[in-house]
């Protein structure tokens, strides 16, 4: 089997890797927010971060079963937007010293990488659509 014949399998494997990374990221954020302060600011930040960090993965899963290329681009773009929002909330957790400082940089790095991957995927799929 040559590379051209394996391409759908390769794309699926890459998709599985991204999906796994998004689930792992969401799980890491769940563990991060669990011990955050239960005062009003702590709850608000935890809720927003939890929502954005976990919805990125769910939007990506929806994209994987999109009805069309346009639908795929839209849903992958939404996933990237949620990851970008997660970067904001993680930065706020860090600046407000709401969690141990050593826990934040790896999550910021992973969220940034996921944003780049998702945006690249949306751009590639969008440019393929215009051909």
Protein backbone atom coordinates (compact mmCIF):
# COMPACT_ATOMS: atom_id res chain seq x y z
CA UNK A 1 0.00 0.00 0.00
CA UNK A 2 1.55 3.33 -1.04
CA UNK A 3 1.23 6.65 0.77
CA UNK A 4 -1.66 7.85 -1.40
CA UNK A 5 -3.68 4.76 -0.49
CA UNK A 6 -2.84 5.23 3.20
CA UNK A 7 -3.65 8.96 3.25
CA UNK A 8 -7.17 8.61 4.76
CA UNK A 9 -5.67 6.39 7.47
CA UNK A 10 -2.87 8.91 8.13
CA UNK A 11 -5.37 11.77 8.36
CA UNK A 12 -7.53 9.73 10.74
CA UNK A 13 -4.51 8.96 12.93
CA UNK A 14 -3.58 12.64 13.09
CA UNK A 15 -7.19 13.42 13.97
CA UNK A 16 -7.10 10.82 16.72
CA UNK A 17 -3.91 12.38 18.09
CA UNK A 18 -5.48 15.86 18.17
CA UNK A 19 -8.62 14.46 19.78
CA UNK A 20 -6.54 12.71 22.43
CA UNK A 21 -4.57 15.88 23.14
CA UNK A 22 -7.80 17.86 23.51
CA UNK A 23 -9.22 15.30 25.95
CA UNK A 24 -5.95 15.27 27.91
CA UNK A 25 -5.95 19.07 28.00
CA UNK A 26 -9.54 19.14 29.26
CA UNK A 27 -8.76 16.56 31.94
CA UNK A 28 -5.72 18.55 33.07
CA UNK A 29 -7.85 21.67 33.40
CA UNK A 30 -10.47 19.72 35.38
CA UNK A 31 -7.73 18.77 37.84
CA UNK A 32 -6.43 22.36 37.91
CA UNK A 33 -9.77 24.02 38.68
CA UNK A 34 -11.01 21.49 41.27
CA UNK A 35 -9.05 23.05 44.17
CA UNK A 36 -9.53 26.70 43.10
CA UNK A 37 -11.05 29.02 45.72
CA UNK A 38 -14.81 28.75 46.05
CA UNK A 39 -15.32 32.50 46.46
CA UNK A 40 -17.14 34.44 43.72
CA UNK A 41 -14.06 35.24 41.58
CA UNK A 42 -12.65 31.73 41.96
CA UNK A 43 -15.92 30.09 40.93
CA UNK A 44 -16.37 32.42 37.97
CA UNK A 45 -12.86 31.87 36.63
CA UNK A 46 -13.04 28.11 37.24
CA UNK A 47 -16.38 27.86 35.43
CA UNK A 48 -15.19 29.89 32.43
CA UNK A 49 -11.91 27.99 32.15
CA UNK A 50 -13.60 24.63 32.55
CA UNK A 51 -16.17 25.49 29.89
CA UNK A 52 -13.67 26.72 27.31
CA UNK A 53 -11.11 23.96 27.95
CA UNK A 54 -13.64 21.16 27.58
CA UNK A 55 -15.72 22.59 24.74
CA UNK A 56 -12.67 22.78 22.47
CA UNK A 57 -12.57 19.00 22.43
CA UNK A 58 -16.30 18.59 21.94
CA UNK A 59 -16.29 21.06 19.03
CA UNK A 60 -13.42 19.15 17.47
CA UNK A 61 -15.33 15.88 17.79
CA UNK A 62 -18.29 17.51 16.06
CA UNK A 63 -15.95 18.70 13.29
CA UNK A 64 -14.74 15.15 12.72
CA UNK A 65 -18.28 14.17 11.73
CA UNK A 66 -19.09 17.39 9.87
CA UNK A 67 -21.69 17.34 7.10
CA UNK A 68 -19.48 19.32 4.71
CA UNK A 69 -16.05 20.88 4.40
CA UNK A 70 -17.56 24.27 5.27
CA UNK A 71 -19.14 22.75 8.40
CA UNK A 72 -15.76 21.19 9.29
CA UNK A 73 -13.95 24.53 8.94
CA UNK A 74 -16.59 26.26 11.08
CA UNK A 75 -16.43 23.69 13.89
CA UNK A 76 -12.63 23.44 13.90
CA UNK A 77 -12.51 27.24 14.06
CA UNK A 78 -14.85 27.14 17.06
CA UNK A 79 -12.56 24.61 18.74
CA UNK A 80 -9.59 26.93 18.14
CA UNK A 81 -11.55 29.88 19.53
CA UNK A 82 -12.31 27.93 22.71
CA UNK A 83 -8.65 26.98 23.11
CA UNK A 84 -7.68 30.63 22.65
CA UNK A 85 -10.18 31.56 25.36
CA UNK A 86 -8.61 28.92 27.60
CA UNK A 87 -5.26 30.68 27.17
CA UNK A 88 -6.86 33.87 28.51
CA UNK A 89 -8.38 32.17 31.56
CA UNK A 90 -5.19 30.25 32.32
CA UNK A 91 -3.29 33.53 32.19
CA UNK A 92 -5.76 35.03 34.64
CA UNK A 93 -5.39 32.06 37.00
CA UNK A 94 -1.64 32.56 36.82
CA UNK A 95 -1.71 36.34 37.35
CA UNK A 96 -4.15 36.05 40.25
CA UNK A 97 -2.06 33.29 41.87
CA UNK A 98 -5.08 31.01 42.13
CA UNK A 99 -3.12 27.81 41.42
CA UNK A 100 0.45 26.63 41.89
CA UNK A 101 2.56 28.55 39.37
CA UNK A 102 4.34 25.45 38.07
CA UNK A 103 1.04 23.98 36.82
CA UNK A 104 0.17 26.79 34.41
CA UNK A 105 3.02 26.99 31.84
CA UNK A 106 2.58 23.45 30.47
CA UNK A 107 -1.14 24.08 30.02
CA UNK A 108 -0.51 27.43 28.33
CA UNK A 109 1.99 25.78 26.00
CA UNK A 110 -0.37 22.93 25.12
CA UNK A 111 -3.30 25.29 24.55
CA UNK A 112 -1.13 27.43 22.27
CA UNK A 113 -0.03 24.40 20.29
CA UNK A 114 -3.62 23.20 19.97
CA UNK A 115 -4.73 26.64 18.73
CA UNK A 116 -2.00 26.55 16.07
CA UNK A 117 -2.89 23.00 14.98
CA UNK A 118 -6.62 23.72 14.82
CA UNK A 119 -6.17 27.00 12.94
CA UNK A 120 -3.84 25.30 10.47
CA UNK A 121 -6.39 22.54 9.96
CA UNK A 122 -9.18 25.07 9.35
CA UNK A 123 -7.00 27.07 6.97
CA UNK A 124 -5.96 23.97 5.00
CA UNK A 125 -9.54 22.69 4.76
CA UNK A 126 -10.78 26.16 3.81
CA UNK A 127 -8.19 26.57 1.07
CA UNK A 128 -9.01 23.10 -0.27
CA UNK A 129 -12.64 24.19 -0.50
CA UNK A 130 -11.79 27.15 -2.72
CA UNK A 131 -10.05 24.98 -5.33
